[in-house]
Amino acid sequence: SPKMDLLHSNGVLIIQHLQRDYRAYQDFLNFMSHVGDPRNIFSIYFPLWFQLNQVVGTKMIWVAVIGDWFNLIFKWILFGHRPYWWVQETMIYPNQSSPCLEQFPITCETGPGSPSGHAMGSSCVWYVMVTAALSYTVRWKDKSAVTLHRLTWSFLWSVFWIIQISVCISRVFIATHFPHQVILGVFAGILVAEAFEHTPAIQTASLRMYIKTNLFLFIFAFGFYLVLKLLDIDLLWSVPKAKKWCANPNWINIDTTPFAGLVRNLGALFGLGLGINSEMFILSCKGKNSCKISFRILCIAASLATLQLYNFVKIPTHTEYLFYILSFCKSAAMPLTVVALVPYCVHLLMRTTEKKLN
């Protein structure tokens, strides 16, 4: 539509301005784009927070998974273009003189562009972290503590918005999103996170509930895809566009396709449910060692170190269905490692050490 074309063309001007005038900050902006990557939730934020506070860690996974699922559905409904291919195909520029937008190794996302998954994932998870941190200070009653709470409130929310703005600018800078797409992503993420502030049932969910939720999310998304395909609407329309207009074919990654994100999130949610309802979790995280600071510090260090090893596990991409199956298994293994395997090993180690000392 003319209004959307105008919005996109104005967005292209902003991207050109950023790429021209903020070239000196390229490394920082690329770094902030990585900070907003939803995959960091499972490999960095979650293992840290779960060992500090299991309630917050559990909520973080639910918020990340449901938020990314909504992001997928919204992308399929909104049919948002990405700047790096839109400028090549639009007819609004005279004499086909399309603006030149620089691309980067992380530019060529293959899914639709609206709303931004990075902005949405970053805002919903950081919202959970900030509100969790403030929940400790809100209980302070004396005057000095109230003042400290207000200062903490101002500081943490300032950090929150600085991070969100930086992630948004970085996504626009690399020409993978228009400005309105990242703004929509930020506020959509906040709404999802706020909804889970009032959903305590996730803390006591059984493994059956996790499986039912996984099945619902998968059947709804896949069913939605099939119904529209029967109506001759291809929800994977963005993939060939990305392959056609990406400056370097090596920058196209199957991990950025819509179904790859869905499978990754379903695996993470299943792994969390499996871990929380396991005997290893009950023996370790619910045992006497769970209250010890040393136990939590060891679990954090071991979890972060172990999850970094998962980055060296490269899933073969030559067969798409095999990639999805292995991606699900890898994603399920990560929260299972954090919730059950690592704490149980640390528990056994501490128990053995105590026996030797006695």
Foldseek 3Di string as FASTA:
>chain_A
DVVVVVLLVVLVVVLVCCLVVVVVCLVVLVVLLVVLPLVCLLQPVLLQVCLVPVLLSLLLLVLSLVQLLVQLVVQLVVVAAFQLLCQQPDPPDPPSPGDDADADLQQLQQAHPAAPSSLLSLQLNLLSVLVVVLVVLVPDDDDVSVVVSVVSNVVSVVVSVVSSVSNLSSNSNNRNHGNVNSVRSNVSNNVSNVVSVPVSVSVVDALVNLVVVLVVSVCVVVVVQVVVVVVVHHNSVRRVSSCVRPPDNVSDDPCSGSLNSNLLSSLQSSLLNPLCNDPQLCPFCVDPCSPDPVLSVQLSVVLSVVSVVLVVDDQDPPDPVSSSVVSSNSSSVNNNCSRGVSRSVSVVVVVVVVVVVD
